[in-house]
C-alpha cells in the first residue's frame, strides 16, 4: 500500500461545544439514524448558545490544533498492532450498533487488497502520551466491501470492525457512540479528530466539506499526516448525549490524500449503509 495517511506506509458544527463537557455519553444500541437533533437555539446546560457556537466556529474553521480530552474526542482512538507499546498507524471511532461493539475506520487501514486482512490489530480510544485511559480493545472481525477486497475501490474505502468486550462490557457501553450518517449530502460542517503517526496526542480541525466527486468528499485542514486515515468526520453534535453523526472517515481518494492539507472520504451512501448492515447483521 502507498497511502499517504497510514504512518507505517505512507466538525464541525456545534461539536465545538464538547470542549467544555465532561458528562459521560450513554450507550445507544439502536439502528443508527441518518440525522440527529440539532442543538437548540437557547443556551444548553453548559452555556453554549447558537450565537456563541457560530463565533467559536468562525475563530477555528480550518485550524488544526491538539484535541482536548472530551467525551466526544474520547470516542476516537489510535489503531495499533498487537498492543499500545508500538507505533499507531491509523485512527478509528466508535459507531452506534445494536451489539454495542462496533468501530468505523478506513478499509485500507485493516485490509490490503493484495495481502488480505491485517491481523492482531487493537483499538485504543482516548490514547494520550502512552496512556490508555479507556483500555485496549482487540479487533475480532472486519467488514469491507467486496470491491475493496478485489481492487481497492476508493469509493468504498470504509471498514467496520467488531471489537472484543473488556471486563464484561462492550465498547459502546463504556464510551457511548456516534451515529452513522447516510446520504447527508456534500456540504456539511464537520469536526475531524485523529492521530498522526508522529504524535502521541490527537489533533482536531473543523471545516465545511465539499464535493470532490459524486462518490467522494473533501475537506481542507492543515497538517493531517500519516496515521490519520480512518479519522471520523462528525456533524450534528447533540448536547444531551455528547455525541454526533459520522458522515465520513479519512480515506477514499488517494487513500485519504497525498498532501497533508486536504483530506478525502468515500461518500457515505447506499454502499456504506449496506456495509454497515453486513457488519451488524
C-alpha atoms as a PDB file:
ATOM      1  CA  UNK A   1       0.000   0.000   0.000  1.00  0.00           C
ATOM      2  CA  UNK A   2       1.201   3.500  -0.718  1.00  0.00           C
ATOM      3  CA  UNK A   3      -1.282   5.540   1.253  1.00  0.00           C
ATOM      4  CA  UNK A   4      -0.279   8.967   2.468  1.00  0.00           C
ATOM      5  CA  UNK A   5      -2.308   8.668   5.667  1.00  0.00           C
ATOM      6  CA  UNK A   6      -1.052   5.483   7.459  1.00  0.00           C
ATOM      7  CA  UNK A   7       2.232   6.257   9.202  1.00  0.00           C
ATOM      8  CA  UNK A   8       3.642   2.794   8.723  1.00  0.00           C
ATOM      9  CA  UNK A   9       3.307   3.325   4.998  1.00  0.00           C
ATOM     10  CA  UNK A  10       2.907   6.232   3.969  1.00  0.00           C
ATOM     11  CA  UNK A  11     -16.865  19.311  12.777  1.00  0.00           C
ATOM     12  CA  UNK A  12     -17.578  20.914  12.948  1.00  0.00           C
ATOM     13  CA  UNK A  13     -20.927  22.167  13.570  1.00  0.00           C
ATOM     14  CA  UNK A  14     -21.676  22.546  17.180  1.00  0.00           C
ATOM     15  CA  UNK A  15     -19.247  19.794  18.019  1.00  0.00           C
ATOM     16  CA  UNK A  16     -17.057  22.532  19.431  1.00  0.00           C
ATOM     17  CA  UNK A  17     -19.324  22.542  22.415  1.00  0.00           C
ATOM     18  CA  UNK A  18     -17.718  19.326  23.569  1.00  0.00           C
ATOM     19  CA  UNK A  19     -14.629  21.212  24.614  1.00  0.00           C
ATOM     20  CA  UNK A  20     -16.160  22.060  27.966  1.00  0.00           C
ATOM     21  CA  UNK A  21     -18.289  18.964  28.520  1.00  0.00           C
ATOM     22  CA  UNK A  22     -17.391  16.130  30.827  1.00  0.00           C
ATOM     23  CA  UNK A  23     -20.696  14.282  31.119  1.00  0.00           C
ATOM     24  CA  UNK A  24     -20.377  10.641  30.069  1.00  0.00           C
ATOM     25  CA  UNK A  25     -22.304   9.574  26.989  1.00  0.00           C
ATOM     26  CA  UNK A  26     -24.799   6.737  27.340  1.00  0.00           C
ATOM     27  CA  UNK A  27     -24.833   3.734  25.005  1.00  0.00           C
ATOM     28  CA  UNK A  28     -27.122   3.761  22.004  1.00  0.00           C
ATOM     29  CA  UNK A  29     -27.781   0.242  20.859  1.00  0.00           C
ATOM     30  CA  UNK A  30     -30.400   1.122  18.245  1.00  0.00           C
ATOM     31  CA  UNK A  31     -30.218   1.094  14.448  1.00  0.00           C
ATOM     32  CA  UNK A  32     -28.322   4.245  13.501  1.00  0.00           C
ATOM     33  CA  UNK A  33     -30.247   7.250  12.288  1.00  0.00           C
ATOM     34  CA  UNK A  34     -29.083   9.451   9.451  1.00  0.00           C
ATOM     35  CA  UNK A  35     -29.644  12.645  11.361  1.00  0.00           C
ATOM     36  CA  UNK A  36     -29.766  13.857  14.916  1.00  0.00           C
ATOM     37  CA  UNK A  37     -31.493  16.608  16.821  1.00  0.00           C
ATOM     38  CA  UNK A  38     -29.523  19.821  16.477  1.00  0.00           C
ATOM     39  CA  UNK A  39     -28.624  21.889  19.487  1.00  0.00           C
ATOM     40  CA  UNK A  40     -31.387  24.255  20.472  1.00  0.00           C
ATOM     41  CA  UNK A  41     -31.168  27.974  19.820  1.00  0.00           C
ATOM     42  CA  UNK A  42     -31.200  28.644  23.529  1.00  0.00           C
ATOM     43  CA  UNK A  43     -28.109  28.068  25.623  1.00  0.00           C
ATOM     44  CA  UNK A  44     -27.768  24.445  26.756  1.00  0.00           C
ATOM     45  CA  UNK A  45     -26.826  23.361  30.249  1.00  0.00           C
ATOM     46  CA  UNK A  46     -23.189  24.193  29.516  1.00  0.00           C
ATOM     47  CA  UNK A  47     -23.951  27.745  28.463  1.00  0.00           C
ATOM     48  CA  UNK A  48     -23.476  27.366  24.706  1.00  0.00           C
ATOM     49  CA  UNK A  49     -25.960  29.434  22.689  1.00  0.00           C
ATOM     50  CA  UNK A  50     -26.224  29.207  18.918  1.00  0.00           C
ATOM     51  CA  UNK A  51     -24.623  32.653  18.648  1.00  0.00           C
ATOM     52  CA  UNK A  52     -21.668  31.595  20.790  1.00  0.00           C
ATOM     53  CA  UNK A  53     -21.232  28.459  18.703  1.00  0.00           C
ATOM     54  CA  UNK A  54     -21.147  30.454  15.490  1.00  0.00           C
ATOM     55  CA  UNK A  55     -18.495  32.729  16.945  1.00  0.00           C
ATOM     56  CA  UNK A  56     -16.369  29.766  18.052  1.00  0.00           C
ATOM     57  CA  UNK A  57     -16.698  28.083  14.666  1.00  0.00           C
ATOM     58  CA  UNK A  58     -15.625  31.258  12.918  1.00  0.00           C
ATOM     59  CA  UNK A  59     -12.480  31.507  15.030  1.00  0.00           C
ATOM     60  CA  UNK A  60     -11.386  27.927  14.485  1.00  0.00           C
ATOM     61  CA  UNK A  61     -12.521  26.960  10.962  1.00  0.00           C
ATOM     62  CA  UNK A  62      -9.697  25.311   9.047  1.00  0.00           C
ATOM     63  CA  UNK A  63      -7.292  25.412  12.010  1.00  0.00           C
ATOM     64  CA  UNK A  64      -5.659  22.213  13.259  1.00  0.00           C
ATOM     65  CA  UNK A  65      -4.882  22.027  16.963  1.00  0.00           C
ATOM     66  CA  UNK A  66      -4.480  19.490  19.765  1.00  0.00           C
ATOM     67  CA  UNK A  67      -7.743  17.770  20.640  1.00  0.00           C
ATOM     68  CA  UNK A  68      -8.850  18.160  24.239  1.00  0.00           C
ATOM     69  CA  UNK A  69      -9.745  15.030  26.284  1.00  0.00           C
ATOM     70  CA  UNK A  70     -13.525  15.456  25.986  1.00  0.00           C
ATOM     71  CA  UNK A  71     -16.287  12.847  25.845  1.00  0.00           C
ATOM     72  CA  UNK A  72     -16.706  13.311  22.108  1.00  0.00           C
ATOM     73  CA  UNK A  73     -12.982  13.058  21.388  1.00  0.00           C
ATOM     74  CA  UNK A  74     -12.840  10.034  23.671  1.00  0.00           C
ATOM     75  CA  UNK A  75     -14.838   8.069  21.090  1.00  0.00           C
ATOM     76  CA  UNK A  76     -11.823   8.332  18.780  1.00  0.00           C
ATOM     77  CA  UNK A  77      -8.766   6.141  19.178  1.00  0.00           C
ATOM     78  CA  UNK A  78      -5.481   5.113  17.641  1.00  0.00           C
ATOM     79  CA  UNK A  79      -5.089   1.754  15.891  1.00  0.00           C
ATOM     80  CA  UNK A  80      -2.028  -0.294  16.839  1.00  0.00           C
ATOM     81  CA  UNK A  81      -0.697  -3.736  16.008  1.00  0.00           C
ATOM     82  CA  UNK A  82      -0.986  -6.133  18.968  1.00  0.00           C
ATOM     83  CA  UNK A  83      -0.808  -3.566  21.800  1.00  0.00           C
ATOM     84  CA  UNK A  84      -0.248   0.078  22.611  1.00  0.00           C
ATOM     85  CA  UNK A  85       3.518  -0.289  23.008  1.00  0.00           C
ATOM     86  CA  UNK A  86       4.348   0.096  19.332  1.00  0.00           C
ATOM     87  CA  UNK A  87       3.559   2.669  16.668  1.00  0.00           C
ATOM     88  CA  UNK A  88      -0.008   3.634  15.861  1.00  0.00           C
ATOM     89  CA  UNK A  89      -0.701   3.783  12.145  1.00  0.00           C
ATOM     90  CA  UNK A  90      -4.414   4.609  11.755  1.00  0.00           C
ATOM     91  CA  UNK A  91      -7.438   6.045  13.563  1.00  0.00           C
ATOM     92  CA  UNK A  92     -10.915   4.656  14.304  1.00  0.00           C
ATOM     93  CA  UNK A  93     -14.005   5.636  16.304  1.00  0.00           C
ATOM     94  CA  UNK A  94     -16.986   4.031  17.991  1.00  0.00           C
ATOM     95  CA  UNK A  95     -20.186   3.971  15.929  1.00  0.00           C
ATOM     96  CA  UNK A  96     -23.646   3.101  17.200  1.00  0.00           C
ATOM     97  CA  UNK A  97     -24.743  -0.525  16.775  1.00  0.00           C
ATOM     98  CA  UNK A  98     -27.182  -2.986  18.295  1.00  0.00           C
ATOM     99  CA  UNK A  99     -24.266  -5.100  19.505  1.00  0.00           C
ATOM    100  CA  UNK A 100     -22.618  -2.061  21.171  1.00  0.00           C
ATOM    101  CA  UNK A 101     -19.281  -3.298  19.851  1.00  0.00           C
ATOM    102  CA  UNK A 102     -18.612  -1.561  16.523  1.00  0.00           C
ATOM    103  CA  UNK A 103     -15.952   0.872  15.289  1.00  0.00           C
ATOM    104  CA  UNK A 104     -15.521   2.536  11.892  1.00  0.00           C
ATOM    105  CA  UNK A 105     -12.264   3.273  10.071  1.00  0.00           C
ATOM    106  CA  UNK A 106     -10.809   3.294   6.548  1.00  0.00           C
ATOM    107  CA  UNK A 107     -10.700  -0.009   4.684  1.00  0.00           C
ATOM    108  CA  UNK A 108      -7.037   0.490   3.764  1.00  0.00           C
ATOM    109  CA  UNK A 109      -6.209   0.513   7.484  1.00  0.00           C
ATOM    110  CA  UNK A 110      -7.422  -3.036   8.018  1.00  0.00           C
ATOM    111  CA  UNK A 111      -7.430  -4.802   4.630  1.00  0.00           C
ATOM    112  CA  UNK A 112      -4.776  -4.857   1.904  1.00  0.00           C
ATOM    113  CA  UNK A 113      -6.328  -5.975  -1.424  1.00  0.00           C
ATOM    114  CA  UNK A 114      -3.118  -7.903  -2.226  1.00  0.00           C
ATOM    115  CA  UNK A 115      -2.408  -9.400   1.191  1.00  0.00           C
ATOM    116  CA  UNK A 116      -5.822  -9.614   2.816  1.00  0.00           C
ATOM    117  CA  UNK A 117      -6.922  -8.641   6.311  1.00  0.00           C
ATOM    118  CA  UNK A 118      -4.413  -7.187   8.742  1.00  0.00           C
ATOM    119  CA  UNK A 119      -4.250  -9.281  11.905  1.00  0.00           C
ATOM    120  CA  UNK A 120      -3.603  -8.547  15.569  1.00  0.00           C
ATOM    121  CA  UNK A 121      -4.990  -5.012  15.484  1.00  0.00           C
ATOM    122  CA  UNK A 122      -6.201  -3.176  18.574  1.00  0.00           C
ATOM    123  CA  UNK A 123      -8.247  -0.014  19.083  1.00  0.00           C
ATOM    124  CA  UNK A 124      -7.102   2.357  21.845  1.00  0.00           C
ATOM    125  CA  UNK A 125      -9.711   5.095  22.426  1.00  0.00           C
ATOM    126  CA  UNK A 126      -8.561   8.276  24.108  1.00  0.00           C
ATOM    127  CA  UNK A 127      -4.880   7.373  23.771  1.00  0.00           C
ATOM    128  CA  UNK A 128      -2.536  10.122  25.019  1.00  0.00           C
ATOM    129  CA  UNK A 129       1.183  10.100  25.731  1.00  0.00           C
ATOM    130  CA  UNK A 130       1.367   6.359  26.173  1.00  0.00           C
ATOM    131  CA  UNK A 131      -1.675   6.220  28.439  1.00  0.00           C
ATOM    132  CA  UNK A 132      -4.718   4.053  27.617  1.00  0.00           C
ATOM    133  CA  UNK A 133      -7.464   5.585  29.790  1.00  0.00           C
ATOM    134  CA  UNK A 134     -10.284   3.613  28.174  1.00  0.00           C
ATOM    135  CA  UNK A 135      -8.451   0.368  27.661  1.00  0.00           C
ATOM    136  CA  UNK A 136      -7.191  -1.643  24.696  1.00  0.00           C
ATOM    137  CA  UNK A 137      -9.854  -3.296  22.507  1.00  0.00           C
ATOM    138  CA  UNK A 138      -8.748  -6.076  20.110  1.00  0.00           C
ATOM    139  CA  UNK A 139     -10.474  -6.229  16.722  1.00  0.00           C
ATOM    140  CA  UNK A 140     -12.387  -9.506  16.354  1.00  0.00           C
ATOM    141  CA  UNK A 141     -13.796  -9.200  12.844  1.00  0.00           C
ATOM    142  CA  UNK A 142     -13.595  -6.745   9.969  1.00  0.00           C
ATOM    143  CA  UNK A 143     -16.158  -5.984   7.260  1.00  0.00           C
ATOM    144  CA  UNK A 144     -15.101  -4.333   3.995  1.00  0.00           C
ATOM    145  CA  UNK A 145     -16.826  -4.093   0.627  1.00  0.00           C
ATOM    146  CA  UNK A 146     -16.028  -6.789  -1.945  1.00  0.00           C
ATOM    147  CA  UNK A 147     -14.970  -4.073  -4.382  1.00  0.00           C
ATOM    148  CA  UNK A 148     -12.306  -3.037  -1.895  1.00  0.00           C
ATOM    149  CA  UNK A 149     -11.104  -6.622  -1.490  1.00  0.00           C
ATOM    150  CA  UNK A 150     -10.948  -7.157  -5.248  1.00  0.00           C
ATOM    151  CA  UNK A 151      -9.215  -3.963  -6.288  1.00  0.00           C
ATOM    152  CA  UNK A 152      -9.082  -1.297  -3.595  1.00  0.00           C
ATOM    153  CA  UNK A 153     -12.061   0.684  -4.921  1.00  0.00           C
ATOM    154  CA  UNK A 154     -11.634   4.168  -3.363  1.00  0.00           C
ATOM    155  CA  UNK A 155     -15.399   4.684  -3.332  1.00  0.00           C
ATOM    156  CA  UNK A 156     -15.690   2.080  -0.566  1.00  0.00           C
ATOM    157  CA  UNK A 157     -12.571   2.843   1.474  1.00  0.00           C
ATOM    158  CA  UNK A 158     -14.593   2.281   4.653  1.00  0.00           C
ATOM    159  CA  UNK A 159     -14.488  -0.582   7.151  1.00  0.00           C
ATOM    160  CA  UNK A 160     -16.489  -1.606  10.185  1.00  0.00           C
ATOM    161  CA  UNK A 161     -14.899  -3.769  12.867  1.00  0.00           C
ATOM    162  CA  UNK A 162     -16.291  -5.575  15.887  1.00  0.00           C
ATOM    163  CA  UNK A 163     -14.091  -5.216  18.970  1.00  0.00           C
ATOM    164  CA  UNK A 164     -13.766  -7.631  21.848  1.00  0.00           C
ATOM    165  CA  UNK A 165     -15.546  -6.910  25.118  1.00  0.00           C
ATOM    166  CA  UNK A 166     -13.496  -5.942  28.172  1.00  0.00           C
ATOM    167  CA  UNK A 167     -14.418  -6.834  31.755  1.00  0.00           C
ATOM    168  CA  UNK A 168     -17.843  -7.958  30.582  1.00  0.00           C
ATOM    169  CA  UNK A 169     -18.653  -4.662  28.851  1.00  0.00           C
ATOM    170  CA  UNK A 170     -18.850  -3.668  25.217  1.00  0.00           C
ATOM    171  CA  UNK A 171     -17.040  -0.549  23.999  1.00  0.00           C
ATOM    172  CA  UNK A 172     -20.241   1.415  23.426  1.00  0.00           C
ATOM    173  CA  UNK A 173     -21.430   0.665  26.948  1.00  0.00           C
ATOM    174  CA  UNK A 174     -18.234   2.217  28.268  1.00  0.00           C
ATOM    175  CA  UNK A 175     -17.852   5.203  25.937  1.00  0.00           C
ATOM    176  CA  UNK A 176     -21.087   5.816  24.047  1.00  0.00           C
ATOM    177  CA  UNK A 177     -21.048   6.125  20.258  1.00  0.00           C
ATOM    178  CA  UNK A 178     -21.601   8.461  17.344  1.00  0.00           C
ATOM    179  CA  UNK A 179     -24.444   7.722  14.969  1.00  0.00           C
ATOM    180  CA  UNK A 180     -23.944   6.727  11.337  1.00  0.00           C
ATOM    181  CA  UNK A 181     -24.986   9.369   8.791  1.00  0.00           C
ATOM    182  CA  UNK A 182     -26.112   8.185   5.351  1.00  0.00           C
ATOM    183  CA  UNK A 183     -26.819  10.378   2.296  1.00  0.00           C
ATOM    184  CA  UNK A 184     -26.295  13.633   4.158  1.00  0.00           C
ATOM    185  CA  UNK A 185     -25.046  15.497   1.095  1.00  0.00           C
ATOM    186  CA  UNK A 186     -21.698  17.029   0.208  1.00  0.00           C
ATOM    187  CA  UNK A 187     -21.601  20.324   2.091  1.00  0.00           C
ATOM    188  CA  UNK A 188     -21.618  19.815   5.840  1.00  0.00           C
ATOM    189  CA  UNK A 189     -19.874  21.484   8.783  1.00  0.00           C
ATOM    190  CA  UNK A 190     -17.828  18.733  10.419  1.00  0.00           C
ATOM    191  CA  UNK A 191     -15.142  18.150  13.012  1.00  0.00           C
ATOM    192  CA  UNK A 192     -12.395  15.629  12.345  1.00  0.00           C
ATOM    193  CA  UNK A 193     -10.273  14.142  15.113  1.00  0.00           C
ATOM    194  CA  UNK A 194      -7.391  11.752  14.605  1.00  0.00           C
ATOM    195  CA  UNK A 195      -3.907  10.548  15.471  1.00  0.00           C
ATOM    196  CA  UNK A 196      -0.885  11.437  13.313  1.00  0.00           C
ATOM    197  CA  UNK A 197       1.649   8.637  13.462  1.00  0.00           C
ATOM    198  CA  UNK A 198       4.301  11.012  14.765  1.00  0.00           C
ATOM    199  CA  UNK A 199       2.170  12.388  17.613  1.00  0.00           C
ATOM    200  CA  UNK A 200       1.238  10.947  20.977  1.00  0.00           C
ATOM    201  CA  UNK A 201      -1.870  13.130  21.251  1.00  0.00           C
ATOM    202  CA  UNK A 202      -4.809  13.514  18.854  1.00  0.00           C
ATOM    203  CA  UNK A 203      -5.409  16.569  16.705  1.00  0.00           C
ATOM    204  CA  UNK A 204      -8.680  18.129  15.575  1.00  0.00           C
ATOM    205  CA  UNK A 205      -9.940  20.521  12.918  1.00  0.00           C
ATOM    206  CA  UNK A 206     -13.334  21.931  11.940  1.00  0.00           C
ATOM    207  CA  UNK A 207     -14.395  22.974   8.454  1.00  0.00           C
ATOM    208  CA  UNK A 208     -17.124  22.535   5.865  1.00  0.00           C
ATOM    209  CA  UNK A 209     -16.883  19.601   3.470  1.00  0.00           C
ATOM    210  CA  UNK A 210     -17.256  19.900  -0.287  1.00  0.00           C
ATOM    211  CA  UNK A 211     -17.829  17.567  -3.234  1.00  0.00           C
ATOM    212  CA  UNK A 212     -14.674  16.076  -4.725  1.00  0.00           C
ATOM    213  CA  UNK A 213     -16.788  13.864  -6.989  1.00  0.00           C
ATOM    214  CA  UNK A 214     -20.225  12.229  -6.742  1.00  0.00           C
ATOM    215  CA  UNK A 215     -18.600   9.465  -4.697  1.00  0.00           C
ATOM    216  CA  UNK A 216     -16.032  11.457  -2.699  1.00  0.00           C
ATOM    217  CA  UNK A 217     -15.952  14.257  -0.116  1.00  0.00           C
ATOM    218  CA  UNK A 218     -13.033  16.576   0.639  1.00  0.00           C
ATOM    219  CA  UNK A 219     -12.069  18.876   3.471  1.00  0.00           C
ATOM    220  CA  UNK A 220      -9.273  21.425   3.839  1.00  0.00           C
ATOM    221  CA  UNK A 221      -7.430  21.213   7.153  1.00  0.00           C
ATOM    222  CA  UNK A 222      -3.663  21.575   7.601  1.00  0.00           C
ATOM    223  CA  UNK A 223      -1.158  19.034   8.913  1.00  0.00           C
ATOM    224  CA  UNK A 224      -3.184  15.819   8.579  1.00  0.00           C
ATOM    225  CA  UNK A 225      -0.263  13.496   8.015  1.00  0.00           C
ATOM    226  CA  UNK A 226       0.286   9.741   8.122  1.00  0.00           C
ATOM    227  CA  UNK A 227      -1.694   7.908  10.806  1.00  0.00           C
ATOM    228  CA  UNK A 228      -4.891   9.932  10.454  1.00  0.00           C
ATOM    229  CA  UNK A 229      -6.593   7.569   7.999  1.00  0.00           C
ATOM    230  CA  UNK A 230      -9.925   6.481   9.467  1.00  0.00           C
ATOM    231  CA  UNK A 231     -10.419   9.727  11.407  1.00  0.00           C
ATOM    232  CA  UNK A 232     -14.179  10.366  11.714  1.00  0.00           C
ATOM    233  CA  UNK A 233     -15.924  13.376  10.166  1.00  0.00           C
ATOM    234  CA  UNK A 234     -18.573  14.294  12.743  1.00  0.00           C
ATOM    235  CA  UNK A 235     -21.529  16.655  12.387  1.00  0.00           C
ATOM    236  CA  UNK A 236     -24.762  17.344  14.315  1.00  0.00           C
ATOM    237  CA  UNK A 237     -23.444  17.449  17.861  1.00  0.00           C
ATOM    238  CA  UNK A 238     -26.183  16.522  20.346  1.00  0.00           C
ATOM    239  CA  UNK A 239     -25.647  18.309  23.686  1.00  0.00           C
ATOM    240  CA  UNK A 240     -27.765  15.738  25.530  1.00  0.00           C
ATOM    241  CA  UNK A 241     -25.749  12.665  24.517  1.00  0.00           C
ATOM    242  CA  UNK A 242     -22.434  14.491  23.862  1.00  0.00           C
ATOM    243  CA  UNK A 243     -22.217  12.585  20.549  1.00  0.00           C
ATOM    244  CA  UNK A 244     -22.631  13.365  16.874  1.00  0.00           C
ATOM    245  CA  UNK A 245     -23.123  11.780  13.457  1.00  0.00           C
ATOM    246  CA  UNK A 246     -20.268  10.307  11.409  1.00  0.00           C
ATOM    247  CA  UNK A 247     -20.591  11.231   7.729  1.00  0.00           C
ATOM    248  CA  UNK A 248     -17.114  10.217   6.567  1.00  0.00           C
ATOM    249  CA  UNK A 249     -13.678   8.917   7.516  1.00  0.00           C
ATOM    250  CA  UNK A 250     -10.328   9.988   6.090  1.00  0.00           C
ATOM    251  CA  UNK A 251      -9.700   7.637   3.170  1.00  0.00           C
ATOM    252  CA  UNK A 252     -11.181   7.300  -0.287  1.00  0.00           C
ATOM    253  CA  UNK A 253      -9.433   9.337  -2.998  1.00  0.00           C
ATOM    254  CA  UNK A 254      -5.684   8.593  -2.885  1.00  0.00           C
ATOM    255  CA  UNK A 255      -6.375   6.666   0.348  1.00  0.00           C
ATOM    256  CA  UNK A 256      -7.030   9.965   2.081  1.00  0.00           C
ATOM    257  CA  UNK A 257      -4.881  12.314   0.006  1.00  0.00           C
ATOM    258  CA  UNK A 258      -1.226  12.805  -0.883  1.00  0.00           C
ATOM    259  CA  UNK A 259      -0.835  16.211   0.760  1.00  0.00           C
ATOM    260  CA  UNK A 260      -1.302  16.964   4.471  1.00  0.00           C
ATOM    261  CA  UNK A 261      -3.622  19.944   3.966  1.00  0.00           C
ATOM    262  CA  UNK A 262      -6.506  18.339   2.039  1.00  0.00           C
ATOM    263  CA  UNK A 263      -8.181  15.085   3.066  1.00  0.00           C
ATOM    264  CA  UNK A 264     -10.843  12.936   1.431  1.00  0.00           C
ATOM    265  CA  UNK A 265     -13.556  10.461   2.350  1.00  0.00           C
ATOM    266  CA  UNK A 266     -15.665   7.996   0.434  1.00  0.00           C
ATOM    267  CA  UNK A 267     -19.220   9.352   0.307  1.00  0.00           C
ATOM    268  CA  UNK A 268     -21.447   7.665   2.876  1.00  0.00           C
ATOM    269  CA  UNK A 269     -24.348   6.474   0.728  1.00  0.00           C
ATOM    270  CA  UNK A 270     -26.126   3.214  -0.037  1.00  0.00           C
ATOM    271  CA  UNK A 271     -22.928   1.181  -0.306  1.00  0.00           C
ATOM    272  CA  UNK A 272     -21.760   2.217   3.159  1.00  0.00           C
ATOM    273  CA  UNK A 273     -25.227   1.521   4.557  1.00  0.00           C
ATOM    274  CA  UNK A 274     -25.103  -1.971   3.024  1.00  0.00           C
ATOM    275  CA  UNK A 275     -21.650  -2.487   4.518  1.00  0.00           C
ATOM    276  CA  UNK A 276     -22.922  -1.435   7.939  1.00  0.00           C
ATOM    277  CA  UNK A 277     -25.876  -3.807   7.590  1.00  0.00           C
ATOM    278  CA  UNK A 278     -23.493  -6.671   6.847  1.00  0.00           C
ATOM    279  CA  UNK A 279     -21.296  -5.797   9.818  1.00  0.00           C
ATOM    280  CA  UNK A 280     -24.235  -5.724  12.193  1.00  0.00           C
ATOM    281  CA  UNK A 281     -26.392  -8.445  10.652  1.00  0.00           C
END
